[in-house]
């Protein structure tokens, strides 16, 4: 990222008027690098209150954790 700052006053130009705010939003990148399966997957889902992780059913009584939301 490259940022350029310029100082000025609102009397000179409206772009320097202090009526506007800047904001940002964090966009996390969550990846599961090693498979988390069965009971560990259910525990991981229970630990995260925001519903980030979900459980995928693999059949034969097996399941694994995936990033849901």
PDB file of N, CA and C in Angstrom:
ATOM      1  N   UNK A   1       0.846  -1.159   0.000  1.00  0.00           N
ATOM      2  CA  UNK A   1       0.000   0.000   0.000  1.00  0.00           C
ATOM      3  C   UNK A   1       0.894   1.225   0.000  1.00  0.00           C
ATOM      4  N   UNK A   2       0.507   2.196  -0.756  1.00  0.00           N
ATOM      5  CA  UNK A   2       1.240   3.452  -0.796  1.00  0.00           C
ATOM      6  C   UNK A   2       0.274   4.575  -0.447  1.00  0.00           C
ATOM      7  N   UNK A   3       0.656   5.386   0.513  1.00  0.00           N
ATOM      8  CA  UNK A   3      -0.182   6.495   0.962  1.00  0.00           C
ATOM      9  C   UNK A   3       0.527   7.820   0.735  1.00  0.00           C
ATOM     10  N   UNK A   4      -0.233   8.809   0.351  1.00  0.00           N
ATOM     11  CA  UNK A   4       0.301  10.155   0.159  1.00  0.00           C
ATOM     12  C   UNK A   4      -0.542  11.104   0.998  1.00  0.00           C
ATOM     13  N   UNK A   5       0.097  11.895   1.830  1.00  0.00           N
ATOM     14  CA  UNK A   5      -0.606  12.862   2.679  1.00  0.00           C
ATOM     15  C   UNK A   5      -0.312  14.274   2.205  1.00  0.00           C
ATOM     16  N   UNK A   6      -1.329  15.097   2.262  1.00  0.00           N
ATOM     17  CA  UNK A   6      -1.177  16.493   1.888  1.00  0.00           C
ATOM     18  C   UNK A   6      -1.929  17.325   2.913  1.00  0.00           C
ATOM     19  N   UNK A   7      -1.266  18.312   3.473  1.00  0.00           N
ATOM     20  CA  UNK A   7      -1.881  19.139   4.498  1.00  0.00           C
ATOM     21  C   UNK A   7      -2.490  20.387   3.864  1.00  0.00           C
ATOM     22  N   UNK A   8      -3.688  20.705   4.312  1.00  0.00           N
ATOM     23  CA  UNK A   8      -4.349  21.905   3.823  1.00  0.00           C
ATOM     24  C   UNK A   8      -5.441  22.323   4.796  1.00  0.00           C
ATOM     25  N   UNK A   9      -6.082  23.457   4.527  1.00  0.00           N
ATOM     26  CA  UNK A   9      -7.165  23.932   5.383  1.00  0.00           C
ATOM     27  C   UNK A   9      -8.423  24.112   4.539  1.00  0.00           C
ATOM     28  N   UNK A  10      -9.577  24.029   5.197  1.00  0.00           N
ATOM     29  CA  UNK A  10     -10.855  24.142   4.507  1.00  0.00           C
ATOM     30  C   UNK A  10     -11.094  25.492   3.862  1.00  0.00           C
ATOM     31  N   UNK A  11     -10.417  26.502   4.352  1.00  0.00           N
ATOM     32  CA  UNK A  11     -10.568  27.843   3.772  1.00  0.00           C
ATOM     33  C   UNK A  11     -10.003  27.885   2.350  1.00  0.00           C
ATOM     34  N   UNK A  12      -8.976  27.079   2.105  1.00  0.00           N
ATOM     35  CA  UNK A  12      -8.347  27.034   0.788  1.00  0.00           C
ATOM     36  C   UNK A  12      -9.192  26.228  -0.209  1.00  0.00           C
ATOM     37  N   UNK A  13      -9.641  25.032   0.212  1.00  0.00           N
ATOM     38  CA  UNK A  13     -10.414  24.157  -0.672  1.00  0.00           C
ATOM     39  C   UNK A  13     -11.301  23.241   0.164  1.00  0.00           C
ATOM     40  N   UNK A  14     -12.473  22.882  -0.363  1.00  0.00           N
ATOM     41  CA  UNK A  14     -13.427  22.057   0.384  1.00  0.00           C
ATOM     42  C   UNK A  14     -12.912  20.647   0.667  1.00  0.00           C
ATOM     43  N   UNK A  15     -11.957  20.147  -0.134  1.00  0.00           N
ATOM     44  CA  UNK A  15     -11.450  18.794   0.105  1.00  0.00           C
ATOM     45  C   UNK A  15     -10.704  18.684   1.432  1.00  0.00           C
ATOM     46  N   UNK A  16     -10.289  19.815   2.000  1.00  0.00           N
ATOM     47  CA  UNK A  16      -9.605  19.792   3.292  1.00  0.00           C
ATOM     48  C   UNK A  16     -10.553  20.131   4.448  1.00  0.00           C
ATOM     49  N   UNK A  17     -11.830  20.223   4.160  1.00  0.00           N
ATOM     50  CA  UNK A  17     -12.812  20.511   5.200  1.00  0.00           C
ATOM     51  C   UNK A  17     -12.987  19.280   6.090  1.00  0.00           C
ATOM     52  N   UNK A  18     -13.013  19.456   7.406  1.00  0.00           N
ATOM     53  CA  UNK A  18     -13.046  18.301   8.316  1.00  0.00           C
ATOM     54  C   UNK A  18     -14.454  17.720   8.539  1.00  0.00           C
ATOM     55  N   UNK A  19     -15.261  17.611   7.502  1.00  0.00           N
ATOM     56  CA  UNK A  19     -16.598  17.069   7.669  1.00  0.00           C
ATOM     57  C   UNK A  19     -16.709  15.615   7.204  1.00  0.00           C
ATOM     58  N   UNK A  20     -15.667  15.092   6.670  1.00  0.00           N
ATOM     59  CA  UNK A  20     -15.677  13.724   6.166  1.00  0.00           C
ATOM     60  C   UNK A  20     -14.775  12.856   7.037  1.00  0.00           C
ATOM     61  N   UNK A  21     -15.161  11.614   7.225  1.00  0.00           N
ATOM     62  CA  UNK A  21     -14.331  10.698   8.001  1.00  0.00           C
ATOM     63  C   UNK A  21     -13.866   9.560   7.099  1.00  0.00           C
ATOM     64  N   UNK A  22     -12.764   9.002   7.441  1.00  0.00           N
ATOM     65  CA  UNK A  22     -12.243   7.830   6.733  1.00  0.00           C
ATOM     66  C   UNK A  22     -12.409   6.617   7.639  1.00  0.00           C
ATOM     67  N   UNK A  23     -12.634   5.472   7.046  1.00  0.00           N
ATOM     68  CA  UNK A  23     -12.784   4.261   7.848  1.00  0.00           C
ATOM     69  C   UNK A  23     -12.205   3.080   7.086  1.00  0.00           C
ATOM     70  N   UNK A  24     -12.033   1.994   7.771  1.00  0.00           N
ATOM     71  CA  UNK A  24     -11.576   0.761   7.142  1.00  0.00           C
ATOM     72  C   UNK A  24     -12.283  -0.407   7.801  1.00  0.00           C
ATOM     73  N   UNK A  25     -12.261  -1.527   7.141  1.00  0.00           N
ATOM     74  CA  UNK A  25     -12.898  -2.733   7.650  1.00  0.00           C
ATOM     75  C   UNK A  25     -11.912  -3.882   7.534  1.00  0.00           C
ATOM     76  N   UNK A  26     -11.749  -4.606   8.611  1.00  0.00           N
ATOM     77  CA  UNK A  26     -10.845  -5.747   8.593  1.00  0.00           C
ATOM     78  C   UNK A  26     -11.518  -6.928   7.900  1.00  0.00           C
ATOM     79  N   UNK A  27     -10.848  -7.511   6.949  1.00  0.00           N
ATOM     80  CA  UNK A  27     -11.361  -8.675   6.238  1.00  0.00           C
ATOM     81  C   UNK A  27     -10.389  -9.837   6.476  1.00  0.00           C
ATOM     82  N   UNK A  28     -10.632 -10.619   7.525  1.00  0.00           N
ATOM     83  CA  UNK A  28      -9.708 -11.703   7.841  1.00  0.00           C
ATOM     84  C   UNK A  28      -9.746 -12.815   6.798  1.00  0.00           C
ATOM     85  N   UNK A  29      -8.608 -13.442   6.601  1.00  0.00           N
ATOM     86  CA  UNK A  29      -8.477 -14.567   5.685  1.00  0.00           C
ATOM     87  C   UNK A  29      -8.196 -15.801   6.535  1.00  0.00           C
ATOM     88  N   UNK A  30      -9.209 -16.636   6.741  1.00  0.00           N
ATOM     89  CA  UNK A  30      -9.084 -17.786   7.626  1.00  0.00           C
ATOM     90  C   UNK A  30      -8.956 -19.038   6.780  1.00  0.00           C
ATOM     91  N   UNK A  31      -7.910 -19.799   7.035  1.00  0.00           N
ATOM     92  CA  UNK A  31      -7.665 -21.040   6.306  1.00  0.00           C
ATOM     93  C   UNK A  31      -7.359 -22.153   7.299  1.00  0.00           C
ATOM     94  N   UNK A  32      -7.824 -23.335   6.989  1.00  0.00           N
ATOM     95  CA  UNK A  32      -7.485 -24.512   7.783  1.00  0.00           C
ATOM     96  C   UNK A  32      -6.421 -25.275   6.988  1.00  0.00           C
ATOM     97  N   UNK A  33      -5.205 -25.325   7.528  1.00  0.00           N
ATOM     98  CA  UNK A  33      -4.092 -25.929   6.792  1.00  0.00           C
ATOM     99  C   UNK A  33      -4.003 -27.441   7.004  1.00  0.00           C
ATOM    100  N   UNK A  34      -4.358 -27.904   8.173  1.00  0.00           N
ATOM    101  CA  UNK A  34      -4.358 -29.332   8.462  1.00  0.00           C
ATOM    102  C   UNK A  34      -5.793 -29.749   8.754  1.00  0.00           C
ATOM    103  N   UNK A  35      -6.193 -30.929   8.305  1.00  0.00           N
ATOM    104  CA  UNK A  35      -7.577 -31.355   8.551  1.00  0.00           C
ATOM    105  C   UNK A  35      -7.880 -31.495  10.040  1.00  0.00           C
ATOM    106  N   UNK A  36      -9.016 -30.956  10.441  1.00  0.00           N
ATOM    107  CA  UNK A  36      -9.500 -31.078  11.814  1.00  0.00           C
ATOM    108  C   UNK A  36     -10.751 -31.939  11.727  1.00  0.00           C
ATOM    109  N   UNK A  37     -10.701 -33.110  12.313  1.00  0.00           N
ATOM    110  CA  UNK A  37     -11.764 -34.086  12.088  1.00  0.00           C
ATOM    111  C   UNK A  37     -12.467 -34.508  13.377  1.00  0.00           C
ATOM    112  N   UNK A  38     -13.655 -35.061  13.184  1.00  0.00           N
ATOM    113  CA  UNK A  38     -14.489 -35.694  14.197  1.00  0.00           C
ATOM    114  C   UNK A  38     -14.716 -34.827  15.437  1.00  0.00           C
ATOM    115  N   UNK A  39     -14.333 -35.302  16.607  1.00  0.00           N
ATOM    116  CA  UNK A  39     -14.610 -34.592  17.861  1.00  0.00           C
ATOM    117  C   UNK A  39     -13.875 -33.251  17.921  1.00  0.00           C
ATOM    118  N   UNK A  40     -12.667 -33.185  17.370  1.00  0.00           N
ATOM    119  CA  UNK A  40     -11.928 -31.916  17.353  1.00  0.00           C
ATOM    120  C   UNK A  40     -12.672 -30.866  16.521  1.00  0.00           C
ATOM    121  N   UNK A  41     -13.304 -31.288  15.438  1.00  0.00           N
ATOM    122  CA  UNK A  41     -14.063 -30.363  14.593  1.00  0.00           C
ATOM    123  C   UNK A  41     -15.269 -29.818  15.346  1.00  0.00           C
ATOM    124  N   UNK A  42     -15.965 -30.681  16.069  1.00  0.00           N
ATOM    125  CA  UNK A  42     -17.127 -30.226  16.845  1.00  0.00           C
ATOM    126  C   UNK A  42     -16.697 -29.277  17.965  1.00  0.00           C
ATOM    127  N   UNK A  43     -15.554 -29.550  18.579  1.00  0.00           N
ATOM    128  CA  UNK A  43     -15.038 -28.674  19.640  1.00  0.00           C
ATOM    129  C   UNK A  43     -14.651 -27.310  19.083  1.00  0.00           C
ATOM    130  N   UNK A  44     -14.018 -27.299  17.899  1.00  0.00           N
ATOM    131  CA  UNK A  44     -13.639 -26.030  17.272  1.00  0.00           C
ATOM    132  C   UNK A  44     -14.868 -25.195  16.949  1.00  0.00           C
ATOM    133  N   UNK A  45     -15.912 -25.825  16.424  1.00  0.00           N
ATOM    134  CA  UNK A  45     -17.137 -25.098  16.103  1.00  0.00           C
ATOM    135  C   UNK A  45     -17.776 -24.521  17.363  1.00  0.00           C
ATOM    136  N   UNK A  46     -17.736 -25.266  18.461  1.00  0.00           N
ATOM    137  CA  UNK A  46     -18.322 -24.793  19.717  1.00  0.00           C
ATOM    138  C   UNK A  46     -17.513 -23.645  20.327  1.00  0.00           C
ATOM    139  N   UNK A  47     -16.197 -23.615  20.096  1.00  0.00           N
ATOM    140  CA  UNK A  47     -15.342 -22.579  20.677  1.00  0.00           C
ATOM    141  C   UNK A  47     -15.506 -21.218  20.005  1.00  0.00           C
ATOM    142  N   UNK A  48     -15.897 -21.201  18.750  1.00  0.00           N
ATOM    143  CA  UNK A  48     -16.013 -19.936  18.021  1.00  0.00           C
ATOM    144  C   UNK A  48     -17.470 -19.468  18.034  1.00  0.00           C
ATOM    145  N   UNK A  49     -17.804 -18.417  18.782  1.00  0.00           N
ATOM    146  CA  UNK A  49     -19.199 -17.984  18.911  1.00  0.00           C
ATOM    147  C   UNK A  49     -19.739 -17.263  17.675  1.00  0.00           C
ATOM    148  N   UNK A  50     -18.886 -16.879  16.723  1.00  0.00           N
ATOM    149  CA  UNK A  50     -19.348 -16.103  15.575  1.00  0.00           C
ATOM    150  C   UNK A  50     -19.787 -16.976  14.403  1.00  0.00           C
ATOM    151  N   UNK A  51     -19.713 -18.285  14.523  1.00  0.00           N
ATOM    152  CA  UNK A  51     -20.135 -19.170  13.449  1.00  0.00           C
ATOM    153  C   UNK A  51     -19.193 -19.183  12.266  1.00  0.00           C
ATOM    154  N   UNK A  52     -17.918 -18.981  12.507  1.00  0.00           N
ATOM    155  CA  UNK A  52     -16.940 -18.967  11.426  1.00  0.00           C
ATOM    156  C   UNK A  52     -16.725 -20.366  10.870  1.00  0.00           C
ATOM    157  N   UNK A  53     -16.734 -21.364  11.734  1.00  0.00           N
ATOM    158  CA  UNK A  53     -16.455 -22.727  11.312  1.00  0.00           C
ATOM    159  C   UNK A  53     -17.740 -23.541  11.205  1.00  0.00           C
ATOM    160  N   UNK A  54     -17.735 -24.484  10.266  1.00  0.00           N
ATOM    161  CA  UNK A  54     -18.861 -25.376  10.071  1.00  0.00           C
ATOM    162  C   UNK A  54     -18.321 -26.801   9.994  1.00  0.00           C
ATOM    163  N   UNK A  55     -19.209 -27.776  10.071  1.00  0.00           N
ATOM    164  CA  UNK A  55     -18.784 -29.173  10.034  1.00  0.00           C
ATOM    165  C   UNK A  55     -19.325 -29.809   8.763  1.00  0.00           C
ATOM    166  N   UNK A  56     -18.426 -30.449   8.013  1.00  0.00           N
ATOM    167  CA  UNK A  56     -18.790 -31.125   6.778  1.00  0.00           C
ATOM    168  C   UNK A  56     -18.853 -32.625   7.049  1.00  0.00           C
ATOM    169  N   UNK A  57     -19.960 -33.255   6.674  1.00  0.00           N
ATOM    170  CA  UNK A  57     -20.140 -34.689   6.891  1.00  0.00           C
ATOM    171  C   UNK A  57     -19.461 -35.447   5.755  1.00  0.00           C
ATOM    172  N   UNK A  58     -18.540 -36.354   6.105  1.00  0.00           N
ATOM    173  CA  UNK A  58     -17.802 -37.127   5.115  1.00  0.00           C
ATOM    174  C   UNK A  58     -18.356 -38.536   4.940  1.00  0.00           C
ATOM    175  N   UNK A  59     -19.365 -38.902   5.702  1.00  0.00           N
ATOM    176  CA  UNK A  59     -19.915 -40.248   5.653  1.00  0.00           C
ATOM    177  C   UNK A  59     -19.110 -41.188   6.536  1.00  0.00           C
ATOM    178  N   UNK A  60     -19.636 -42.392   6.765  1.00  0.00           N
ATOM    179  CA  UNK A  60     -18.966 -43.408   7.591  1.00  0.00           C
ATOM    180  C   UNK A  60     -18.573 -42.861   8.965  1.00  0.00           C
ATOM    181  N   UNK A  61     -19.465 -42.068   9.569  1.00  0.00           N
ATOM    182  CA  UNK A  61     -19.249 -41.472  10.901  1.00  0.00           C
ATOM    183  C   UNK A  61     -18.007 -40.587  10.967  1.00  0.00           C
ATOM    184  N   UNK A  62     -17.665 -39.949   9.869  1.00  0.00           N
ATOM    185  CA  UNK A  62     -16.518 -39.040   9.849  1.00  0.00           C
ATOM    186  C   UNK A  62     -17.017 -37.649   9.478  1.00  0.00           C
ATOM    187  N   UNK A  63     -16.371 -36.656  10.051  1.00  0.00           N
ATOM    188  CA  UNK A  63     -16.679 -35.259   9.730  1.00  0.00           C
ATOM    189  C   UNK A  63     -15.415 -34.443   9.856  1.00  0.00           C
ATOM    190  N   UNK A  64     -15.423 -33.259   9.239  1.00  0.00           N
ATOM    191  CA  UNK A  64     -14.259 -32.373   9.349  1.00  0.00           C
ATOM    192  C   UNK A  64     -14.717 -30.927   9.394  1.00  0.00           C
ATOM    193  N   UNK A  65     -13.857 -30.098   9.952  1.00  0.00           N
ATOM    194  CA  UNK A  65     -14.149 -28.671  10.083  1.00  0.00           C
ATOM    195  C   UNK A  65     -13.801 -27.961   8.775  1.00  0.00           C
ATOM    196  N   UNK A  66     -14.674 -27.029   8.379  1.00  0.00           N
ATOM    197  CA  UNK A  66     -14.433 -26.184   7.222  1.00  0.00           C
ATOM    198  C   UNK A  66     -14.762 -24.744   7.616  1.00  0.00           C
ATOM    199  N   UNK A  67     -14.238 -23.803   6.864  1.00  0.00           N
ATOM    200  CA  UNK A  67     -14.545 -22.392   7.131  1.00  0.00           C
ATOM    201  C   UNK A  67     -15.911 -22.113   6.501  1.00  0.00           C
ATOM    202  N   UNK A  68     -16.872 -21.733   7.340  1.00  0.00           N
ATOM    203  CA  UNK A  68     -18.239 -21.554   6.872  1.00  0.00           C
ATOM    204  C   UNK A  68     -18.575 -20.128   6.515  1.00  0.00           C
ATOM    205  N   UNK A  69     -18.404 -19.206   7.467  1.00  0.00           N
ATOM    206  CA  UNK A  69     -18.827 -17.814   7.226  1.00  0.00           C
ATOM    207  C   UNK A  69     -17.727 -16.897   7.674  1.00  0.00           C
TER     208      UNK A  69
END
